[in-house]
Amino acid sequence: MLLGGWAGPVLLASLAFLDRLRETALGSASNAMLKQIVPVTQLPRAVSVNQGREAAVEMASGPVGGALLGLSIVFPPLVHLLGNVGSVLATLSMRGRYRPRAEGSPPTKAVDDLREALAWIRTQPIRLQMLAVSSAVNLGANGLLFTVMLDLADQGVPASRIGLLNTALAASILLGAFLAPRLVDTVPTGALAIAPVALMTLVGVLLPVAPSMVWIALCYTAIGIGLPAFNASGQGFFTHITPVAMQGRISSLMRLVSLGVMTFAPALAGWGLEIAGSTTTLLLFAAVLALGVVIGLLARDLRRLPVSSRWERHARERGYSVPE
């Protein structure tokens, strides 16, 4: 299509829509499999490795894609194709049985699956607490990033300089992914569920007075470096207490809530800049993050979560996990 000159906006948008539909429909399968692949003590490390991989890809894809495009318009789609072929071959090489349900289980409907996942999450306060804090982070952090990006673009800052901010963010996430396993092993999970969000809140308050692109990049670094530990501890513990048969449904519900909340970030950022200006908009998203901190501090069950080595015992004592 690119070589033939048929790739207009409508066609490219349709392909992008189908690609994202595929990713959101099937992309959570690997997370749902984690509990069947690694022991409980390795769940935080597995989540950290996944996030570090995504950060490395994010950091390298822009420069590599630009270099390939400079050679020929054919090369970026070709590399995309080869990458997906490699993914298919890797998937076919997995010989284990990773179906979450027993053989002969009756088929279910997607709406019933989500309803059952919602009912399961509502049975214990800690599950709702973790979902609430995660939602605040998704909306608040993405809102900050979108606001900065749109504001800089409106000021006429070159796209290449704005792109460097995303590079700084990806690099800090990659560094945080290296640190996350050690942090989860030594710092109580309750603290890791609150402290990075508090740091993001502080960054949101400071961003309006950041005097230069260098300071904004430092703020991006502060946002990114705590995310892997936050995700590794929270997602790791949540995966641990979720039965294998529920992993796919819970993962789908979490992604539904996460993506639903994130949808508002660019819209609120744009409206906020248009109506109230960058300072007020940034402080609004900082307030959302502060709400996440308050929820974490008031949530006694979440606040008391121990280090990862004590998850299994703590979950049994508190009745969080159920026999498989």
C-alpha atoms as a PDB file:
ATOM      1  CA  MET A   1       0.000   0.000   0.000  1.00  0.00           C
ATOM      2  CA  LEU A   2       2.830   2.392   0.817  1.00  0.00           C
ATOM      3  CA  LEU A   3       4.702   1.594  -2.392  1.00  0.00           C
ATOM      4  CA  GLY A   4       1.526   1.849  -4.455  1.00  0.00           C
ATOM      5  CA  GLY A   5       0.556   5.190  -2.960  1.00  0.00           C
ATOM      6  CA  TRP A   6      -2.787   3.901  -1.620  1.00  0.00           C
ATOM      7  CA  ALA A   7      -2.023   4.567   2.060  1.00  0.00           C
ATOM      8  CA  GLY A   8      -4.327   7.507   2.745  1.00  0.00           C
ATOM      9  CA  PRO A   9      -5.383   8.666   6.242  1.00  0.00           C
ATOM     10  CA  VAL A  10      -8.592   6.599   6.291  1.00  0.00           C
ATOM     11  CA  LEU A  11      -6.852   3.375   5.299  1.00  0.00           C
ATOM     12  CA  LEU A  12      -3.955   3.895   7.716  1.00  0.00           C
ATOM     13  CA  ALA A  13      -6.378   4.778  10.519  1.00  0.00           C
ATOM     14  CA  SER A  14      -8.362   1.597   9.800  1.00  0.00           C
ATOM     15  CA  LEU A  15      -5.209  -0.528   9.932  1.00  0.00           C
ATOM     16  CA  ALA A  16      -4.144   1.160  13.181  1.00  0.00           C
ATOM     17  CA  PHE A  17      -7.591   0.502  14.656  1.00  0.00           C
ATOM     18  CA  LEU A  18      -7.435  -3.198  13.724  1.00  0.00           C
ATOM     19  CA  ASP A  19      -3.912  -3.519  15.099  1.00  0.00           C
ATOM     20  CA  ARG A  20      -4.863  -1.967  18.452  1.00  0.00           C
ATOM     21  CA  LEU A  21      -8.028  -4.096  18.552  1.00  0.00           C
ATOM     22  CA  ARG A  22      -5.901  -7.187  18.129  1.00  0.00           C
ATOM     23  CA  GLU A  23      -3.487  -6.043  20.819  1.00  0.00           C
ATOM     24  CA  THR A  24      -6.136  -5.215  23.406  1.00  0.00           C
ATOM     25  CA  ALA A  25      -8.110  -8.399  22.685  1.00  0.00           C
ATOM     26  CA  LEU A  26      -5.125 -10.755  22.838  1.00  0.00           C
ATOM     27  CA  GLY A  27      -2.298  -8.797  24.460  1.00  0.00           C
ATOM     28  CA  SER A  28      -3.290  -9.639  28.040  1.00  0.00           C
ATOM     29  CA  ALA A  29      -2.799 -13.375  27.436  1.00  0.00           C
ATOM     30  CA  SER A  30       0.891 -13.231  28.389  1.00  0.00           C
ATOM     31  CA  ASN A  31       0.108 -11.532  31.722  1.00  0.00           C
ATOM     32  CA  ALA A  32      -2.639 -14.079  32.412  1.00  0.00           C
ATOM     33  CA  MET A  33      -0.081 -16.866  31.922  1.00  0.00           C
ATOM     34  CA  LEU A  34       2.516 -15.517  34.363  1.00  0.00           C
ATOM     35  CA  LYS A  35       1.225 -17.408  37.389  1.00  0.00           C
ATOM     36  CA  GLN A  36       1.445 -20.680  35.437  1.00  0.00           C
ATOM     37  CA  ILE A  37       5.014 -19.989  34.308  1.00  0.00           C
ATOM     38  CA  VAL A  38       6.870 -18.554  37.309  1.00  0.00           C
ATOM     39  CA  PRO A  39       6.693 -19.225  41.086  1.00  0.00           C
ATOM     40  CA  VAL A  40       5.169 -16.669  43.449  1.00  0.00           C
ATOM     41  CA  THR A  41       8.552 -15.334  44.553  1.00  0.00           C
ATOM     42  CA  GLN A  42       9.448 -14.545  40.926  1.00  0.00           C
ATOM     43  CA  LEU A  43       6.233 -12.699  39.987  1.00  0.00           C
ATOM     44  CA  PRO A  44       7.614  -9.196  40.764  1.00  0.00           C
ATOM     45  CA  ARG A  45      10.758  -9.953  38.749  1.00  0.00           C
ATOM     46  CA  ALA A  46       8.673 -11.232  35.828  1.00  0.00           C
ATOM     47  CA  VAL A  47       6.551  -8.073  35.824  1.00  0.00           C
ATOM     48  CA  SER A  48       9.718  -5.944  36.020  1.00  0.00           C
ATOM     49  CA  VAL A  49      11.311  -7.789  33.105  1.00  0.00           C
ATOM     50  CA  ASN A  50       8.179  -7.263  31.022  1.00  0.00           C
ATOM     51  CA  GLN A  51       8.136  -3.545  31.794  1.00  0.00           C
ATOM     52  CA  GLY A  52      11.868  -3.193  31.158  1.00  0.00           C
ATOM     53  CA  ARG A  53      11.451  -4.896  27.800  1.00  0.00           C
ATOM     54  CA  GLU A  54       8.645  -2.517  26.847  1.00  0.00           C
ATOM     55  CA  ALA A  55      10.728   0.494  27.915  1.00  0.00           C
ATOM     56  CA  ALA A  56      13.727  -0.717  25.890  1.00  0.00           C
ATOM     57  CA  VAL A  57      11.537  -1.176  22.832  1.00  0.00           C
ATOM     58  CA  GLU A  58       9.963   2.263  23.344  1.00  0.00           C
ATOM     59  CA  MET A  59      13.377   3.883  23.674  1.00  0.00           C
ATOM     60  CA  ALA A  60      14.867   2.173  20.605  1.00  0.00           C
ATOM     61  CA  SER A  61      11.878   2.058  18.259  1.00  0.00           C
ATOM     62  CA  GLY A  62      11.814   5.778  17.439  1.00  0.00           C
ATOM     63  CA  PRO A  63      15.468   6.159  16.369  1.00  0.00           C
ATOM     64  CA  VAL A  64      15.522   2.749  14.657  1.00  0.00           C
ATOM     65  CA  GLY A  65      12.261   3.460  12.839  1.00  0.00           C
ATOM     66  CA  GLY A  66      13.574   6.824  11.674  1.00  0.00           C
ATOM     67  CA  ALA A  67      16.821   5.270  10.431  1.00  0.00           C
ATOM     68  CA  LEU A  68      14.950   2.534   8.564  1.00  0.00           C
ATOM     69  CA  LEU A  69      12.581   5.066   7.027  1.00  0.00           C
ATOM     70  CA  GLY A  70      15.607   7.040   5.853  1.00  0.00           C
ATOM     71  CA  LEU A  71      16.771   3.977   3.906  1.00  0.00           C
ATOM     72  CA  SER A  72      13.411   3.126   2.349  1.00  0.00           C
ATOM     73  CA  ILE A  73       9.719   3.363   3.120  1.00  0.00           C
ATOM     74  CA  VAL A  74       9.608  -0.453   2.801  1.00  0.00           C
ATOM     75  CA  PHE A  75      11.915  -1.222   5.725  1.00  0.00           C
ATOM     76  CA  PRO A  76       9.770  -0.222   8.781  1.00  0.00           C
ATOM     77  CA  PRO A  77       6.791  -2.409   7.702  1.00  0.00           C
ATOM     78  CA  LEU A  78       9.193  -5.230   6.802  1.00  0.00           C
ATOM     79  CA  VAL A  79      10.812  -5.165  10.255  1.00  0.00           C
ATOM     80  CA  HIS A  80       7.317  -5.070  11.799  1.00  0.00           C
ATOM     81  CA  LEU A  81       6.401  -8.170   9.804  1.00  0.00           C
ATOM     82  CA  LEU A  82       9.581 -10.020  10.785  1.00  0.00           C
ATOM     83  CA  GLY A  83       9.015  -9.162  14.438  1.00  0.00           C
ATOM     84  CA  ASN A  84       5.515 -10.624  14.357  1.00  0.00           C
ATOM     85  CA  VAL A  85       6.753 -13.762  12.575  1.00  0.00           C
ATOM     86  CA  GLY A  86       9.304 -14.173  15.376  1.00  0.00           C
ATOM     87  CA  SER A  87       6.536 -13.773  17.943  1.00  0.00           C
ATOM     88  CA  VAL A  88       4.458 -16.473  16.244  1.00  0.00           C
ATOM     89  CA  LEU A  89       7.416 -18.884  16.150  1.00  0.00           C
ATOM     90  CA  ALA A  90       8.190 -18.230  19.821  1.00  0.00           C
ATOM     91  CA  THR A  91       4.553 -18.856  20.749  1.00  0.00           C
ATOM     92  CA  LEU A  92       4.427 -22.116  18.778  1.00  0.00           C
ATOM     93  CA  SER A  93       7.538 -23.327  20.614  1.00  0.00           C
ATOM     94  CA  MET A  94       5.710 -23.202  23.984  1.00  0.00           C
ATOM     95  CA  ARG A  95       4.642 -26.758  24.693  1.00  0.00           C
ATOM     96  CA  GLY A  96       2.901 -26.388  28.069  1.00  0.00           C
ATOM     97  CA  ARG A  97      -0.827 -26.403  28.656  1.00  0.00           C
ATOM     98  CA  TYR A  98      -1.769 -22.847  29.570  1.00  0.00           C
ATOM     99  CA  ARG A  99      -5.535 -22.991  29.369  1.00  0.00           C
ATOM    100  CA  PRO A 100      -6.894 -21.527  32.603  1.00  0.00           C
ATOM    101  CA  ARG A 101     -10.003 -23.691  32.754  1.00  0.00           C
ATOM    102  CA  ALA A 102     -10.405 -27.433  33.035  1.00  0.00           C
ATOM    103  CA  GLU A 103     -11.059 -29.595  30.005  1.00  0.00           C
ATOM    104  CA  GLY A 104     -14.738 -29.783  29.111  1.00  0.00           C
ATOM    105  CA  SER A 105     -15.668 -26.493  30.778  1.00  0.00           C
ATOM    106  CA  PRO A 106     -18.772 -24.973  29.135  1.00  0.00           C
ATOM    107  CA  PRO A 107     -18.276 -21.854  26.977  1.00  0.00           C
ATOM    108  CA  THR A 108     -19.083 -18.471  28.486  1.00  0.00           C
ATOM    109  CA  LYS A 109     -20.081 -15.037  27.233  1.00  0.00           C
ATOM    110  CA  ALA A 110     -17.776 -12.014  27.455  1.00  0.00           C
ATOM    111  CA  VAL A 111     -20.358  -9.989  29.394  1.00  0.00           C
ATOM    112  CA  ASP A 112     -20.767 -12.802  31.939  1.00  0.00           C
ATOM    113  CA  ASP A 113     -16.983 -13.083  32.266  1.00  0.00           C
ATOM    114  CA  LEU A 114     -16.622  -9.375  33.050  1.00  0.00           C
ATOM    115  CA  ARG A 115     -19.555  -9.504  35.458  1.00  0.00           C
ATOM    116  CA  GLU A 116     -17.931 -12.415  37.289  1.00  0.00           C
ATOM    117  CA  ALA A 117     -14.572 -10.592  37.388  1.00  0.00           C
ATOM    118  CA  LEU A 118     -16.229  -7.484  38.840  1.00  0.00           C
ATOM    119  CA  ALA A 119     -18.010  -9.580  41.464  1.00  0.00           C
ATOM    120  CA  TRP A 120     -14.717 -11.233  42.428  1.00  0.00           C
ATOM    121  CA  ILE A 121     -12.897  -7.915  42.801  1.00  0.00           C
ATOM    122  CA  ARG A 122     -15.683  -6.534  44.982  1.00  0.00           C
ATOM    123  CA  THR A 123     -15.471  -9.404  47.480  1.00  0.00           C
ATOM    124  CA  GLN A 124     -12.413  -7.938  49.237  1.00  0.00           C
ATOM    125  CA  PRO A 125     -11.591  -4.273  49.905  1.00  0.00           C
ATOM    126  CA  ILE A 126      -7.898  -4.640  49.040  1.00  0.00           C
ATOM    127  CA  ARG A 127      -8.743  -5.522  45.445  1.00  0.00           C
ATOM    128  CA  LEU A 128     -10.835  -2.379  45.033  1.00  0.00           C
ATOM    129  CA  GLN A 129      -8.158  -0.310  46.778  1.00  0.00           C
ATOM    130  CA  MET A 130      -5.461  -1.499  44.371  1.00  0.00           C
ATOM    131  CA  LEU A 131      -7.730  -0.865  41.388  1.00  0.00           C
ATOM    132  CA  ALA A 132      -8.525   2.670  42.632  1.00  0.00           C
ATOM    133  CA  VAL A 133      -4.875   3.634  43.145  1.00  0.00           C
ATOM    134  CA  SER A 134      -3.920   2.169  39.765  1.00  0.00           C
ATOM    135  CA  SER A 135      -6.714   4.124  38.053  1.00  0.00           C
ATOM    136  CA  ALA A 136      -5.556   7.366  39.683  1.00  0.00           C
ATOM    137  CA  VAL A 137      -2.016   6.739  38.429  1.00  0.00           C
ATOM    138  CA  ASN A 138      -3.193   5.949  34.899  1.00  0.00           C
ATOM    139  CA  LEU A 139      -5.256   9.123  34.633  1.00  0.00           C
ATOM    140  CA  GLY A 140      -2.952  11.436  36.571  1.00  0.00           C
ATOM    141  CA  ALA A 141       0.410  10.417  35.105  1.00  0.00           C
ATOM    142  CA  ASN A 142      -0.823  10.208  31.513  1.00  0.00           C
ATOM    143  CA  GLY A 143      -2.635  13.509  31.961  1.00  0.00           C
ATOM    144  CA  LEU A 144       0.596  15.197  33.039  1.00  0.00           C
ATOM    145  CA  LEU A 145       2.472  13.810  30.036  1.00  0.00           C
ATOM    146  CA  PHE A 146      -0.244  14.762  27.545  1.00  0.00           C
ATOM    147  CA  THR A 147      -0.523  18.267  28.983  1.00  0.00           C
ATOM    148  CA  VAL A 148       3.208  18.895  28.699  1.00  0.00           C
ATOM    149  CA  MET A 149       3.338  17.485  25.164  1.00  0.00           C
ATOM    150  CA  LEU A 150       0.372  19.534  23.909  1.00  0.00           C
ATOM    151  CA  ASP A 151       1.582  22.691  25.628  1.00  0.00           C
ATOM    152  CA  LEU A 152       5.081  22.405  24.148  1.00  0.00           C
ATOM    153  CA  ALA A 153       3.655  21.704  20.698  1.00  0.00           C
ATOM    154  CA  ASP A 154       1.418  24.772  21.033  1.00  0.00           C
ATOM    155  CA  GLN A 155       4.501  26.852  21.885  1.00  0.00           C
ATOM    156  CA  GLY A 156       6.162  25.715  18.667  1.00  0.00           C
ATOM    157  CA  VAL A 157       8.800  23.474  20.261  1.00  0.00           C
ATOM    158  CA  PRO A 158      10.216  21.153  17.564  1.00  0.00           C
ATOM    159  CA  ALA A 159       8.854  17.611  17.568  1.00  0.00           C
ATOM    160  CA  SER A 160      12.399  16.218  17.831  1.00  0.00           C
ATOM    161  CA  ARG A 161      12.910  17.965  21.200  1.00  0.00           C
ATOM    162  CA  ILE A 162       9.534  16.786  22.488  1.00  0.00           C
ATOM    163  CA  GLY A 163      10.476  13.259  21.397  1.00  0.00           C
ATOM    164  CA  LEU A 164      13.607  13.451  23.550  1.00  0.00           C
ATOM    165  CA  LEU A 165      11.356  13.787  26.594  1.00  0.00           C
ATOM    166  CA  ASN A 166       9.778  10.434  25.759  1.00  0.00           C
ATOM    167  CA  THR A 167      13.280   9.002  25.420  1.00  0.00           C
ATOM    168  CA  ALA A 168      14.117  10.282  28.903  1.00  0.00           C
ATOM    169  CA  LEU A 169      10.902   8.733  30.236  1.00  0.00           C
ATOM    170  CA  ALA A 170      11.623   5.363  28.595  1.00  0.00           C
ATOM    171  CA  ALA A 171      15.219   5.398  29.871  1.00  0.00           C
ATOM    172  CA  SER A 172      14.062   6.069  33.435  1.00  0.00           C
ATOM    173  CA  ILE A 173      11.500   3.248  33.209  1.00  0.00           C
ATOM    174  CA  LEU A 174      14.250   0.935  31.968  1.00  0.00           C
ATOM    175  CA  LEU A 175      16.453   1.933  34.915  1.00  0.00           C
ATOM    176  CA  GLY A 176      13.515   1.483  37.275  1.00  0.00           C
ATOM    177  CA  ALA A 177      12.925  -2.016  35.866  1.00  0.00           C
ATOM    178  CA  PHE A 178      16.473  -2.978  36.893  1.00  0.00           C
ATOM    179  CA  LEU A 179      15.898  -1.614  40.405  1.00  0.00           C
ATOM    180  CA  ALA A 180      12.348  -2.925  40.885  1.00  0.00           C
ATOM    181  CA  PRO A 181      13.129  -6.573  41.822  1.00  0.00           C
ATOM    182  CA  ARG A 182      15.488  -5.508  44.604  1.00  0.00           C
ATOM    183  CA  LEU A 183      13.014  -2.901  45.861  1.00  0.00           C
ATOM    184  CA  VAL A 184      10.140  -5.403  45.925  1.00  0.00           C
ATOM    185  CA  ASP A 185      12.362  -7.850  47.830  1.00  0.00           C
ATOM    186  CA  THR A 186      13.380  -5.303  50.476  1.00  0.00           C
ATOM    187  CA  VAL A 187      10.622  -2.657  50.697  1.00  0.00           C
ATOM    188  CA  PRO A 188       7.074  -3.504  51.851  1.00  0.00           C
ATOM    189  CA  THR A 189       4.629  -3.664  48.969  1.00  0.00           C
ATOM    190  CA  GLY A 190       2.302  -1.242  50.749  1.00  0.00           C
ATOM    191  CA  ALA A 191       5.022   1.419  50.705  1.00  0.00           C
ATOM    192  CA  LEU A 192       5.776   0.773  47.018  1.00  0.00           C
ATOM    193  CA  ALA A 193       2.082   1.217  46.223  1.00  0.00           C
ATOM    194  CA  ILE A 194       2.108   4.719  47.747  1.00  0.00           C
ATOM    195  CA  ALA A 195       5.603   6.271  47.593  1.00  0.00           C
ATOM    196  CA  PRO A 196       5.967   6.367  43.759  1.00  0.00           C
ATOM    197  CA  VAL A 197       2.509   7.953  43.474  1.00  0.00           C
ATOM    198  CA  ALA A 198       3.511  10.594  46.030  1.00  0.00           C
ATOM    199  CA  LEU A 199       6.633  11.324  43.967  1.00  0.00           C
ATOM    200  CA  MET A 200       4.500  11.708  40.813  1.00  0.00           C
ATOM    201  CA  THR A 201       2.214  14.092  42.696  1.00  0.00           C
ATOM    202  CA  LEU A 202       5.194  16.234  43.683  1.00  0.00           C
ATOM    203  CA  VAL A 203       6.377  16.236  40.053  1.00  0.00           C
ATOM    204  CA  GLY A 204       2.925  17.385  38.939  1.00  0.00           C
ATOM    205  CA  VAL A 205       3.120  20.317  41.335  1.00  0.00           C
ATOM    206  CA  LEU A 206       6.638  21.261  40.165  1.00  0.00           C
ATOM    207  CA  LEU A 207       6.078  20.907  36.414  1.00  0.00           C
ATOM    208  CA  PRO A 208       4.307  24.292  36.026  1.00  0.00           C
ATOM    209  CA  VAL A 209       7.453  26.053  37.266  1.00  0.00           C
ATOM    210  CA  ALA A 210       9.990  23.923  35.357  1.00  0.00           C
ATOM    211  CA  PRO A 211      12.263  26.569  33.788  1.00  0.00           C
ATOM    212  CA  SER A 212      13.635  24.584  30.840  1.00  0.00           C
ATOM    213  CA  MET A 213      13.422  21.388  28.786  1.00  0.00           C
ATOM    214  CA  VAL A 214      16.187  19.907  30.935  1.00  0.00           C
ATOM    215  CA  TRP A 215      14.077  20.345  34.062  1.00  0.00           C
ATOM    216  CA  ILE A 216      11.049  18.882  32.317  1.00  0.00           C
ATOM    217  CA  ALA A 217      13.188  15.878  31.325  1.00  0.00           C
ATOM    218  CA  LEU A 218      14.207  15.472  34.986  1.00  0.00           C
ATOM    219  CA  CYS A 219      10.538  15.545  35.955  1.00  0.00           C
ATOM    220  CA  TYR A 220       9.822  12.861  33.350  1.00  0.00           C
ATOM    221  CA  THR A 221      12.649  10.809  34.823  1.00  0.00           C
ATOM    222  CA  ALA A 222      11.144  11.093  38.304  1.00  0.00           C
ATOM    223  CA  ILE A 223       7.775   9.926  36.955  1.00  0.00           C
ATOM    224  CA  GLY A 224       9.229   6.935  35.133  1.00  0.00           C
ATOM    225  CA  ILE A 225      11.736   5.588  37.621  1.00  0.00           C
ATOM    226  CA  GLY A 226       9.144   4.571  40.209  1.00  0.00           C
ATOM    227  CA  LEU A 227       6.615   3.047  37.814  1.00  0.00           C
ATOM    228  CA  PRO A 228       8.253  -0.410  37.482  1.00  0.00           C
ATOM    229  CA  ALA A 229       8.410  -0.890  41.260  1.00  0.00           C
ATOM    230  CA  PHE A 230       4.802   0.301  41.590  1.00  0.00           C
ATOM    231  CA  ASN A 231       3.655  -2.125  38.874  1.00  0.00           C
ATOM    232  CA  ALA A 232       5.878  -5.008  39.949  1.00  0.00           C
ATOM    233  CA  SER A 233       4.633  -4.908  43.532  1.00  0.00           C
ATOM    234  CA  GLY A 234       0.965  -4.203  42.833  1.00  0.00           C
ATOM    235  CA  GLN A 235       0.525  -6.346  39.742  1.00  0.00           C
ATOM    236  CA  GLY A 236       2.685  -9.100  41.207  1.00  0.00           C
ATOM    237  CA  PHE A 237       0.628  -9.364  44.390  1.00  0.00           C
ATOM    238  CA  PHE A 238      -2.646  -9.049  42.489  1.00  0.00           C
ATOM    239  CA  THR A 239      -1.564 -11.889  40.183  1.00  0.00           C
ATOM    240  CA  HIS A 240      -0.637 -13.974  43.209  1.00  0.00           C
ATOM    241  CA  ILE A 241      -4.049 -13.699  44.876  1.00  0.00           C
ATOM    242  CA  THR A 242      -5.985 -14.227  41.623  1.00  0.00           C
ATOM    243  CA  PRO A 243      -6.844 -17.877  40.837  1.00  0.00           C
ATOM    244  CA  VAL A 244      -5.489 -19.221  37.539  1.00  0.00           C
ATOM    245  CA  ALA A 245      -9.023 -19.715  36.202  1.00  0.00           C
ATOM    246  CA  MET A 246      -9.747 -16.009  36.810  1.00  0.00           C
ATOM    247  CA  GLN A 247      -6.495 -14.530  35.455  1.00  0.00           C
ATOM    248  CA  GLY A 248      -7.796 -13.731  31.972  1.00  0.00           C
ATOM    249  CA  ARG A 249     -11.056 -12.233  33.183  1.00  0.00           C
ATOM    250  CA  ILE A 250      -9.406 -10.124  35.885  1.00  0.00           C
ATOM    251  CA  SER A 251      -6.704  -8.959  33.482  1.00  0.00           C
ATOM    252  CA  SER A 252      -9.375  -7.977  30.944  1.00  0.00           C
ATOM    253  CA  LEU A 253     -11.356  -6.057  33.554  1.00  0.00           C
ATOM    254  CA  MET A 254      -8.238  -4.251  34.767  1.00  0.00           C
ATOM    255  CA  ARG A 255      -7.331  -3.276  31.213  1.00  0.00           C
ATOM    256  CA  LEU A 256     -10.900  -2.170  30.533  1.00  0.00           C
ATOM    257  CA  VAL A 257     -10.826   0.145  33.551  1.00  0.00           C
ATOM    258  CA  SER A 258      -7.269   1.300  32.812  1.00  0.00           C
ATOM    259  CA  LEU A 259      -7.896   2.095  29.149  1.00  0.00           C
ATOM    260  CA  GLY A 260     -11.263   3.628  29.975  1.00  0.00           C
ATOM    261  CA  VAL A 261      -9.650   6.005  32.465  1.00  0.00           C
ATOM    262  CA  MET A 262      -6.710   6.785  30.170  1.00  0.00           C
ATOM    263  CA  THR A 263      -9.134   7.768  27.405  1.00  0.00           C
ATOM    264  CA  PHE A 264      -9.994  10.895  29.382  1.00  0.00           C
ATOM    265  CA  ALA A 265      -6.354  12.004  29.772  1.00  0.00           C
ATOM    266  CA  PRO A 266      -5.768  13.561  26.315  1.00  0.00           C
ATOM    267  CA  ALA A 267      -9.275  15.055  26.211  1.00  0.00           C
ATOM    268  CA  LEU A 268      -8.958  16.639  29.664  1.00  0.00           C
ATOM    269  CA  ALA A 269      -5.451  17.846  28.835  1.00  0.00           C
ATOM    270  CA  GLY A 270      -6.657  19.528  25.646  1.00  0.00           C
ATOM    271  CA  TRP A 271      -9.743  21.060  27.218  1.00  0.00           C
ATOM    272  CA  GLY A 272      -7.771  22.158  30.271  1.00  0.00           C
ATOM    273  CA  LEU A 273      -5.137  23.937  28.170  1.00  0.00           C
ATOM    274  CA  GLU A 274      -7.838  25.632  26.114  1.00  0.00           C
ATOM    275  CA  ILE A 275      -9.990  26.733  29.054  1.00  0.00           C
ATOM    276  CA  ALA A 276      -7.713  27.132  32.079  1.00  0.00           C
ATOM    277  CA  GLY A 277      -4.094  27.057  30.872  1.00  0.00           C
ATOM    278  CA  SER A 278      -1.194  24.707  31.511  1.00  0.00           C
ATOM    279  CA  THR A 279      -0.619  25.470  35.201  1.00  0.00           C
ATOM    280  CA  THR A 280      -4.187  24.754  36.283  1.00  0.00           C
ATOM    281  CA  THR A 281      -4.370  21.640  34.087  1.00  0.00           C
ATOM    282  CA  LEU A 282      -1.135  20.214  35.477  1.00  0.00           C
ATOM    283  CA  LEU A 283      -2.299  20.888  39.042  1.00  0.00           C
ATOM    284  CA  LEU A 284      -5.604  19.163  38.241  1.00  0.00           C
ATOM    285  CA  PHE A 285      -3.796  15.983  37.233  1.00  0.00           C
ATOM    286  CA  ALA A 286      -1.508  16.315  40.255  1.00  0.00           C
ATOM    287  CA  ALA A 287      -4.671  16.389  42.390  1.00  0.00           C
ATOM    288  CA  VAL A 288      -5.804  13.120  40.778  1.00  0.00           C
ATOM    289  CA  LEU A 289      -2.467  11.557  41.747  1.00  0.00           C
ATOM    290  CA  ALA A 290      -2.806  13.017  45.245  1.00  0.00           C
ATOM    291  CA  LEU A 291      -6.188  11.296  45.493  1.00  0.00           C
ATOM    292  CA  GLY A 292      -4.412   8.014  44.773  1.00  0.00           C
ATOM    293  CA  VAL A 293      -1.980   8.734  47.608  1.00  0.00           C
ATOM    294  CA  VAL A 294      -4.839   9.490  50.000  1.00  0.00           C
ATOM    295  CA  ILE A 295      -6.625   6.263  49.042  1.00  0.00           C
ATOM    296  CA  GLY A 296      -3.427   4.314  49.655  1.00  0.00           C
ATOM    297  CA  LEU A 297      -2.807   5.926  53.033  1.00  0.00           C
ATOM    298  CA  LEU A 298      -6.387   5.360  54.202  1.00  0.00           C
ATOM    299  CA  ALA A 299      -6.515   1.773  52.872  1.00  0.00           C
ATOM    300  CA  ARG A 300      -5.215  -0.180  55.836  1.00  0.00           C
ATOM    301  CA  ASP A 301      -5.168  -3.531  54.003  1.00  0.00           C
ATOM    302  CA  LEU A 302      -3.115  -2.093  51.145  1.00  0.00           C
ATOM    303  CA  ARG A 303      -0.828  -0.112  53.417  1.00  0.00           C
ATOM    304  CA  ARG A 304       0.092  -3.237  55.430  1.00  0.00           C
ATOM    305  CA  LEU A 305       1.188  -5.420  52.498  1.00  0.00           C
ATOM    306  CA  PRO A 306       4.639  -6.918  53.291  1.00  0.00           C
ATOM    307  CA  VAL A 307       7.705  -7.596  51.134  1.00  0.00           C
ATOM    308  CA  SER A 308       7.290 -10.163  48.343  1.00  0.00           C
ATOM    309  CA  SER A 309       8.925 -13.007  50.303  1.00  0.00           C
ATOM    310  CA  ARG A 310       6.028 -12.854  52.786  1.00  0.00           C
ATOM    311  CA  TRP A 311       3.190 -12.540  50.246  1.00  0.00           C
ATOM    312  CA  GLU A 312       2.120 -16.163  50.371  1.00  0.00           C
ATOM    313  CA  ARG A 313       1.897 -16.348  54.156  1.00  0.00           C
ATOM    314  CA  HIS A 314       0.246 -12.923  54.423  1.00  0.00           C
ATOM    315  CA  ALA A 315      -2.329 -13.796  51.750  1.00  0.00           C
ATOM    316  CA  ARG A 316      -3.232 -17.054  53.535  1.00  0.00           C
ATOM    317  CA  GLU A 317      -3.512 -15.377  56.916  1.00  0.00           C
ATOM    318  CA  ARG A 318      -5.715 -12.569  55.577  1.00  0.00           C
ATOM    319  CA  GLY A 319      -7.799 -14.826  53.330  1.00  0.00           C
ATOM    320  CA  TYR A 320      -6.780 -13.017  50.150  1.00  0.00           C
ATOM    321  CA  SER A 321      -5.830 -16.100  48.145  1.00  0.00           C
ATOM    322  CA  VAL A 322      -7.939 -19.178  47.532  1.00  0.00           C
ATOM    323  CA  PRO A 323      -6.893 -22.802  46.864  1.00  0.00           C
ATOM    324  CA  GLU A 324      -6.452 -23.555  43.148  1.00  0.00           C
END
